[in-house]
Amino acid sequence: TRLILYTDEASFGRNGVINSHNLHYWSDENPHAIIETRHQRQFYVNVWSGIIGPYLLGPFVLPPRLNGQRYLDFLVHQLPQLLEDVDLETRNALIFMHDGAPPHFSAAVRDHLNEVYPNRWIGRGGPIHWPARTPDMNPLDFFFWGHLKNLVYSTPVTTREELEERIFYCANEIRQNPEMLWRVQQSSVKRARICIRGGGTNIENLL
């Protein structure tokens, strides 16, 4: 698992974060949470993040609507820059993972991944299959987004700019704890083994 680059996207709103790809919602139990009223302006920030070994990549702010071409632009132009902090040995051997969201499945995206990561990427239509609807196996889904949310929404957010600043600041706090990032990836291995033993069923009740 140390060579798998787990990736995911999530949408942060005024009052909480939604992982739109897996229809996974982390409710905000913060007692200071804002009670939404009609006159309050809603806003969202869509971000990408990745975890590999002790490294947290991103968050990187994505366009409001992500399609195959915009996702390809990200993979071609932004991802190499985000990988610059990863040691060269890991970079040269990493296995790229993303889920089966529609932008990930475009022919141009798959062609690019086949060229850059030949036989070394996980996802729909790729050389290594990622089981559908399994947020409980991706460390960004079962840990990172929820943990980041708890930090970001510790006090109410009032503007989109403030929300972006908090996302970056709180992600940097998480980045300072590489041991925690290692542990959460070890949990991914445990979860994968349980999933195999359970025949691919949802594993949260088995942990």
C-alpha atoms as a PDB file:
ATOM      1  CA  THR A   1       0.000   0.000   0.000  1.00  0.00           C
ATOM      2  CA  ARG A   2       2.985   2.372   0.387  1.00  0.00           C
ATOM      3  CA  LEU A   3       3.130   2.793  -3.397  1.00  0.00           C
ATOM      4  CA  ILE A   4      -0.588   3.418  -3.974  1.00  0.00           C
ATOM      5  CA  LEU A   5      -1.503   7.044  -4.563  1.00  0.00           C
ATOM      6  CA  TYR A   6      -5.069   7.169  -3.240  1.00  0.00           C
ATOM      7  CA  THR A   7      -6.982  10.124  -4.695  1.00  0.00           C
ATOM      8  CA  ASP A   8     -10.452  11.591  -4.380  1.00  0.00           C
ATOM      9  CA  GLU A   9     -12.456  14.768  -4.840  1.00  0.00           C
ATOM     10  CA  ALA A  10     -14.894  16.379  -2.437  1.00  0.00           C
ATOM     11  CA  SER A  11     -17.116  19.434  -2.368  1.00  0.00           C
ATOM     12  CA  PHE A  12     -16.959  21.664   0.720  1.00  0.00           C
ATOM     13  CA  GLY A  13     -20.059  23.745   1.326  1.00  0.00           C
ATOM     14  CA  ARG A  14     -20.852  26.500   3.758  1.00  0.00           C
ATOM     15  CA  ASN A  15     -21.896  24.029   6.448  1.00  0.00           C
ATOM     16  CA  GLY A  16     -20.344  20.702   5.560  1.00  0.00           C
ATOM     17  CA  VAL A  17     -18.464  18.544   3.092  1.00  0.00           C
ATOM     18  CA  ILE A  18     -20.037  16.226   0.575  1.00  0.00           C
ATOM     19  CA  ASN A  19     -18.113  13.620  -1.389  1.00  0.00           C
ATOM     20  CA  SER A  20     -20.306  13.815  -4.450  1.00  0.00           C
ATOM     21  CA  HIS A  21     -18.771  10.815  -6.198  1.00  0.00           C
ATOM     22  CA  ASN A  22     -19.724   8.318  -3.525  1.00  0.00           C
ATOM     23  CA  LEU A  23     -22.803  10.193  -2.309  1.00  0.00           C
ATOM     24  CA  HIS A  24     -21.131  10.181   1.083  1.00  0.00           C
ATOM     25  CA  TYR A  25     -22.101  12.950   3.510  1.00  0.00           C
ATOM     26  CA  TRP A  26     -20.373  13.812   6.747  1.00  0.00           C
ATOM     27  CA  SER A  27     -22.911  15.649   8.890  1.00  0.00           C
ATOM     28  CA  ASP A  28     -21.675  18.571  10.929  1.00  0.00           C
ATOM     29  CA  GLU A  29     -22.167  17.817  14.612  1.00  0.00           C
ATOM     30  CA  ASN A  30     -20.355  20.972  15.674  1.00  0.00           C
ATOM     31  CA  PRO A  31     -22.536  22.720  18.286  1.00  0.00           C
ATOM     32  CA  HIS A  32     -21.554  26.056  16.705  1.00  0.00           C
ATOM     33  CA  ALA A  33     -22.786  24.988  13.263  1.00  0.00           C
ATOM     34  CA  ILE A  34     -24.652  27.604  11.304  1.00  0.00           C
ATOM     35  CA  ILE A  35     -28.388  27.050  10.983  1.00  0.00           C
ATOM     36  CA  GLU A  36     -29.071  27.622   7.288  1.00  0.00           C
ATOM     37  CA  THR A  37     -31.698  30.236   6.500  1.00  0.00           C
ATOM     38  CA  ARG A  38     -33.012  31.398   3.153  1.00  0.00           C
ATOM     39  CA  HIS A  39     -31.182  34.718   3.198  1.00  0.00           C
ATOM     40  CA  GLN A  40     -27.752  33.131   3.728  1.00  0.00           C
ATOM     41  CA  ARG A  41     -25.666  32.751   0.591  1.00  0.00           C
ATOM     42  CA  GLN A  42     -24.547  29.205  -0.108  1.00  0.00           C
ATOM     43  CA  PHE A  43     -21.135  28.503  -1.633  1.00  0.00           C
ATOM     44  CA  TYR A  44     -18.965  25.496  -2.430  1.00  0.00           C
ATOM     45  CA  VAL A  45     -15.307  24.696  -2.992  1.00  0.00           C
ATOM     46  CA  ASN A  46     -14.425  21.546  -4.938  1.00  0.00           C
ATOM     47  CA  VAL A  47     -11.046  20.073  -4.070  1.00  0.00           C
ATOM     48  CA  TRP A  48      -8.809  17.147  -5.006  1.00  0.00           C
ATOM     49  CA  SER A  49      -6.416  15.459  -2.577  1.00  0.00           C
ATOM     50  CA  GLY A  50      -4.154  12.434  -2.597  1.00  0.00           C
ATOM     51  CA  ILE A  51      -2.366  10.293  -0.011  1.00  0.00           C
ATOM     52  CA  ILE A  52       0.696   8.143  -0.674  1.00  0.00           C
ATOM     53  CA  GLY A  53       2.961   6.856   2.082  1.00  0.00           C
ATOM     54  CA  PRO A  54       3.746   9.741   4.465  1.00  0.00           C
ATOM     55  CA  TYR A  55       2.722  12.359   1.912  1.00  0.00           C
ATOM     56  CA  LEU A  56      -0.488  14.353   1.631  1.00  0.00           C
ATOM     57  CA  LEU A  57      -0.919  15.869  -1.835  1.00  0.00           C
ATOM     58  CA  GLY A  58      -3.056  18.973  -2.203  1.00  0.00           C
ATOM     59  CA  PRO A  59      -5.711  20.016  -1.575  1.00  0.00           C
ATOM     60  CA  PHE A  60      -6.038  21.472  -5.064  1.00  0.00           C
ATOM     61  CA  VAL A  61      -9.091  23.564  -5.918  1.00  0.00           C
ATOM     62  CA  LEU A  62     -10.946  22.190  -8.941  1.00  0.00           C
ATOM     63  CA  PRO A  63     -13.361  23.923 -11.329  1.00  0.00           C
ATOM     64  CA  PRO A  64     -16.992  24.107 -10.156  1.00  0.00           C
ATOM     65  CA  ARG A  65     -17.993  21.473 -12.709  1.00  0.00           C
ATOM     66  CA  LEU A  66     -15.465  18.741 -13.377  1.00  0.00           C
ATOM     67  CA  ASN A  67     -15.604  16.943 -16.711  1.00  0.00           C
ATOM     68  CA  GLY A  68     -13.218  14.623 -18.515  1.00  0.00           C
ATOM     69  CA  GLN A  69     -11.243  17.401 -20.230  1.00  0.00           C
ATOM     70  CA  ARG A  70     -10.812  19.453 -17.059  1.00  0.00           C
ATOM     71  CA  TYR A  71      -9.771  16.365 -15.131  1.00  0.00           C
ATOM     72  CA  LEU A  72      -7.262  15.511 -17.873  1.00  0.00           C
ATOM     73  CA  ASP A  73      -5.870  19.053 -17.663  1.00  0.00           C
ATOM     74  CA  PHE A  74      -5.403  18.533 -13.932  1.00  0.00           C
ATOM     75  CA  LEU A  75      -3.587  15.212 -14.440  1.00  0.00           C
ATOM     76  CA  VAL A  76      -1.311  16.663 -17.113  1.00  0.00           C
ATOM     77  CA  HIS A  77      -0.473  20.046 -15.601  1.00  0.00           C
ATOM     78  CA  GLN A  78      -1.150  20.064 -11.843  1.00  0.00           C
ATOM     79  CA  LEU A  79      -0.547  16.520 -10.629  1.00  0.00           C
ATOM     80  CA  PRO A  80       3.162  16.476 -11.625  1.00  0.00           C
ATOM     81  CA  GLN A  81       3.692  19.640  -9.576  1.00  0.00           C
ATOM     82  CA  LEU A  82       1.877  18.159  -6.581  1.00  0.00           C
ATOM     83  CA  LEU A  83       4.113  15.085  -6.818  1.00  0.00           C
ATOM     84  CA  GLU A  84       7.334  17.098  -6.641  1.00  0.00           C
ATOM     85  CA  ASP A  85       7.507  16.736  -2.853  1.00  0.00           C
ATOM     86  CA  VAL A  86       7.309  12.926  -3.104  1.00  0.00           C
ATOM     87  CA  ASP A  87      10.657  11.129  -3.158  1.00  0.00           C
ATOM     88  CA  LEU A  88      11.836  10.071  -6.619  1.00  0.00           C
ATOM     89  CA  GLU A  89      11.825   6.329  -5.901  1.00  0.00           C
ATOM     90  CA  THR A  90       8.178   6.424  -4.852  1.00  0.00           C
ATOM     91  CA  ARG A  91       7.217   8.690  -7.751  1.00  0.00           C
ATOM     92  CA  ASN A  92       8.741   6.322 -10.296  1.00  0.00           C
ATOM     93  CA  ALA A  93       6.924   3.273  -8.910  1.00  0.00           C
ATOM     94  CA  LEU A  94       3.615   4.655  -7.664  1.00  0.00           C
ATOM     95  CA  ILE A  95       0.278   3.078  -8.518  1.00  0.00           C
ATOM     96  CA  PHE A  96      -2.326   5.740  -9.253  1.00  0.00           C
ATOM     97  CA  MET A  97      -5.825   5.119  -7.886  1.00  0.00           C
ATOM     98  CA  HIS A  98      -9.098   6.907  -8.533  1.00  0.00           C
ATOM     99  CA  ASP A  99     -12.729   5.817  -8.368  1.00  0.00           C
ATOM    100  CA  GLY A 100     -15.232   5.338 -11.165  1.00  0.00           C
ATOM    101  CA  ALA A 101     -16.618   8.880 -11.362  1.00  0.00           C
ATOM    102  CA  PRO A 102     -17.630   9.892 -14.914  1.00  0.00           C
ATOM    103  CA  PRO A 103     -14.734  12.371 -15.473  1.00  0.00           C
ATOM    104  CA  HIS A 104     -12.280   9.597 -14.550  1.00  0.00           C
ATOM    105  CA  PHE A 105     -13.700   7.279 -17.199  1.00  0.00           C
ATOM    106  CA  SER A 106     -13.232   9.480 -20.259  1.00  0.00           C
ATOM    107  CA  ALA A 107     -11.203   7.874 -23.049  1.00  0.00           C
ATOM    108  CA  ALA A 108      -8.638  10.689 -23.008  1.00  0.00           C
ATOM    109  CA  VAL A 109      -8.071  10.269 -19.268  1.00  0.00           C
ATOM    110  CA  ARG A 110      -7.628   6.508 -19.583  1.00  0.00           C
ATOM    111  CA  ASP A 111      -5.239   6.941 -22.515  1.00  0.00           C
ATOM    112  CA  HIS A 112      -3.176   9.385 -20.470  1.00  0.00           C
ATOM    113  CA  LEU A 113      -3.021   7.080 -17.455  1.00  0.00           C
ATOM    114  CA  ASN A 114      -2.054   4.130 -19.651  1.00  0.00           C
ATOM    115  CA  GLU A 115       0.816   6.192 -21.026  1.00  0.00           C
ATOM    116  CA  VAL A 116       2.075   7.665 -17.751  1.00  0.00           C
ATOM    117  CA  TYR A 117       1.296   4.705 -15.458  1.00  0.00           C
ATOM    118  CA  PRO A 118       1.339   1.623 -17.732  1.00  0.00           C
ATOM    119  CA  ASN A 119      -0.269  -1.274 -15.819  1.00  0.00           C
ATOM    120  CA  ARG A 120       0.065   0.871 -12.681  1.00  0.00           C
ATOM    121  CA  TRP A 121      -3.271   2.532 -12.203  1.00  0.00           C
ATOM    122  CA  ILE A 122      -6.449   1.483 -10.429  1.00  0.00           C
ATOM    123  CA  GLY A 123      -9.911   2.479 -11.583  1.00  0.00           C
ATOM    124  CA  ARG A 124     -12.825   1.805 -13.883  1.00  0.00           C
ATOM    125  CA  GLY A 125     -11.565   0.715 -17.281  1.00  0.00           C
ATOM    126  CA  GLY A 126      -8.010   0.412 -15.999  1.00  0.00           C
ATOM    127  CA  PRO A 127      -5.528  -2.444 -15.685  1.00  0.00           C
ATOM    128  CA  ILE A 128      -6.397  -2.845 -11.979  1.00  0.00           C
ATOM    129  CA  HIS A 129     -10.072  -2.769 -11.033  1.00  0.00           C
ATOM    130  CA  TRP A 130     -11.361  -0.703  -8.100  1.00  0.00           C
ATOM    131  CA  PRO A 131     -14.616  -2.093  -6.671  1.00  0.00           C
ATOM    132  CA  ALA A 132     -17.584   0.210  -7.152  1.00  0.00           C
ATOM    133  CA  ARG A 133     -19.195   2.025  -4.207  1.00  0.00           C
ATOM    134  CA  THR A 134     -16.445   1.238  -1.710  1.00  0.00           C
ATOM    135  CA  PRO A 135     -15.722   4.509   0.136  1.00  0.00           C
ATOM    136  CA  ASP A 136     -14.848   2.418   3.185  1.00  0.00           C
ATOM    137  CA  MET A 137     -11.617   1.287   1.447  1.00  0.00           C
ATOM    138  CA  ASN A 138     -10.225   4.662   0.357  1.00  0.00           C
ATOM    139  CA  PRO A 139      -8.415   6.499   3.204  1.00  0.00           C
ATOM    140  CA  LEU A 140      -9.592   9.831   1.882  1.00  0.00           C
ATOM    141  CA  ASP A 141     -13.184   8.659   2.213  1.00  0.00           C
ATOM    142  CA  PHE A 142     -13.084   6.800   5.501  1.00  0.00           C
ATOM    143  CA  PHE A 143     -10.698   9.211   7.245  1.00  0.00           C
ATOM    144  CA  PHE A 144      -9.293  12.299   5.537  1.00  0.00           C
ATOM    145  CA  TRP A 145     -12.379  14.208   4.432  1.00  0.00           C
ATOM    146  CA  GLY A 146     -14.133  13.684   7.749  1.00  0.00           C
ATOM    147  CA  HIS A 147     -11.067  14.660   9.781  1.00  0.00           C
ATOM    148  CA  LEU A 148     -10.436  17.714   7.614  1.00  0.00           C
ATOM    149  CA  LYS A 149     -14.097  18.690   7.951  1.00  0.00           C
ATOM    150  CA  ASN A 150     -13.898  18.593  11.738  1.00  0.00           C
ATOM    151  CA  LEU A 151     -10.979  21.037  11.631  1.00  0.00           C
ATOM    152  CA  VAL A 152     -12.395  23.327   8.945  1.00  0.00           C
ATOM    153  CA  TYR A 153     -15.829  23.677  10.535  1.00  0.00           C
ATOM    154  CA  SER A 154     -14.670  24.096  14.134  1.00  0.00           C
ATOM    155  CA  THR A 155     -16.169  27.591  13.872  1.00  0.00           C
ATOM    156  CA  PRO A 156     -18.701  28.929  11.350  1.00  0.00           C
ATOM    157  CA  VAL A 157     -17.483  29.816   7.855  1.00  0.00           C
ATOM    158  CA  THR A 158     -18.887  33.020   6.364  1.00  0.00           C
ATOM    159  CA  THR A 159     -17.233  33.437   2.931  1.00  0.00           C
ATOM    160  CA  ARG A 160     -15.897  31.236   0.147  1.00  0.00           C
ATOM    161  CA  GLU A 161     -12.450  32.813   0.513  1.00  0.00           C
ATOM    162  CA  GLU A 162     -12.394  31.996   4.221  1.00  0.00           C
ATOM    163  CA  LEU A 163     -13.450  28.431   3.431  1.00  0.00           C
ATOM    164  CA  GLU A 164     -10.569  27.973   0.968  1.00  0.00           C
ATOM    165  CA  GLU A 165      -8.068  29.405   3.453  1.00  0.00           C
ATOM    166  CA  ARG A 166      -9.271  27.054   6.177  1.00  0.00           C
ATOM    167  CA  ILE A 167      -9.115  24.020   3.891  1.00  0.00           C
ATOM    168  CA  PHE A 168      -5.459  24.740   3.079  1.00  0.00           C
ATOM    169  CA  TYR A 169      -4.523  25.641   6.651  1.00  0.00           C
ATOM    170  CA  CYS A 170      -6.168  22.578   8.203  1.00  0.00           C
ATOM    171  CA  ALA A 171      -4.759  20.261   5.535  1.00  0.00           C
ATOM    172  CA  ASN A 172      -1.293  21.544   6.417  1.00  0.00           C
ATOM    173  CA  GLU A 173      -1.948  20.590  10.037  1.00  0.00           C
ATOM    174  CA  ILE A 174      -2.726  17.042   8.911  1.00  0.00           C
ATOM    175  CA  ARG A 175       0.357  17.072   6.664  1.00  0.00           C
ATOM    176  CA  GLN A 176       2.541  17.609   9.732  1.00  0.00           C
ATOM    177  CA  ASN A 177       1.592  14.151  11.039  1.00  0.00           C
ATOM    178  CA  PRO A 178       3.026  11.628   8.536  1.00  0.00           C
ATOM    179  CA  GLU A 179       2.747   8.809  11.081  1.00  0.00           C
ATOM    180  CA  MET A 180      -1.018   9.260  11.084  1.00  0.00           C
ATOM    181  CA  LEU A 181      -1.056   9.095   7.277  1.00  0.00           C
ATOM    182  CA  TRP A 182       0.885   5.820   7.429  1.00  0.00           C
ATOM    183  CA  ARG A 183      -1.538   4.358   9.969  1.00  0.00           C
ATOM    184  CA  VAL A 184      -4.612   5.205   7.943  1.00  0.00           C
ATOM    185  CA  GLN A 185      -3.134   3.471   4.901  1.00  0.00           C
ATOM    186  CA  GLN A 186      -2.433   0.376   6.954  1.00  0.00           C
ATOM    187  CA  SER A 187      -6.117   0.462   7.821  1.00  0.00           C
ATOM    188  CA  SER A 188      -6.823   0.351   4.071  1.00  0.00           C
ATOM    189  CA  VAL A 189      -4.954  -2.959   3.860  1.00  0.00           C
ATOM    190  CA  LYS A 190      -6.982  -4.357   6.752  1.00  0.00           C
ATOM    191  CA  ARG A 191     -10.198  -3.172   5.119  1.00  0.00           C
ATOM    192  CA  ALA A 192      -9.260  -4.725   1.774  1.00  0.00           C
ATOM    193  CA  ARG A 193      -8.636  -8.093   3.429  1.00  0.00           C
ATOM    194  CA  ILE A 194     -11.982  -7.938   5.227  1.00  0.00           C
ATOM    195  CA  CYS A 195     -13.686  -6.977   1.958  1.00  0.00           C
ATOM    196  CA  ILE A 196     -12.153 -10.007   0.213  1.00  0.00           C
ATOM    197  CA  ARG A 197     -13.230 -12.329   3.026  1.00  0.00           C
ATOM    198  CA  GLY A 198     -16.726 -10.852   2.918  1.00  0.00           C
ATOM    199  CA  GLY A 199     -17.092 -11.306  -0.811  1.00  0.00           C
ATOM    200  CA  GLY A 200     -16.985  -7.598  -1.606  1.00  0.00           C
ATOM    201  CA  THR A 201     -19.776  -6.461   0.706  1.00  0.00           C
ATOM    202  CA  ASN A 202     -19.815  -3.241   2.723  1.00  0.00           C
ATOM    203  CA  ILE A 203     -17.323  -3.701   5.530  1.00  0.00           C
ATOM    204  CA  GLU A 204     -18.022  -0.910   8.023  1.00  0.00           C
ATOM    205  CA  ASN A 205     -20.052  -3.225  10.267  1.00  0.00           C
ATOM    206  CA  LEU A 206     -17.219  -5.784  10.189  1.00  0.00           C
ATOM    207  CA  LEU A 207     -14.449  -3.487  11.429  1.00  0.00           C
END
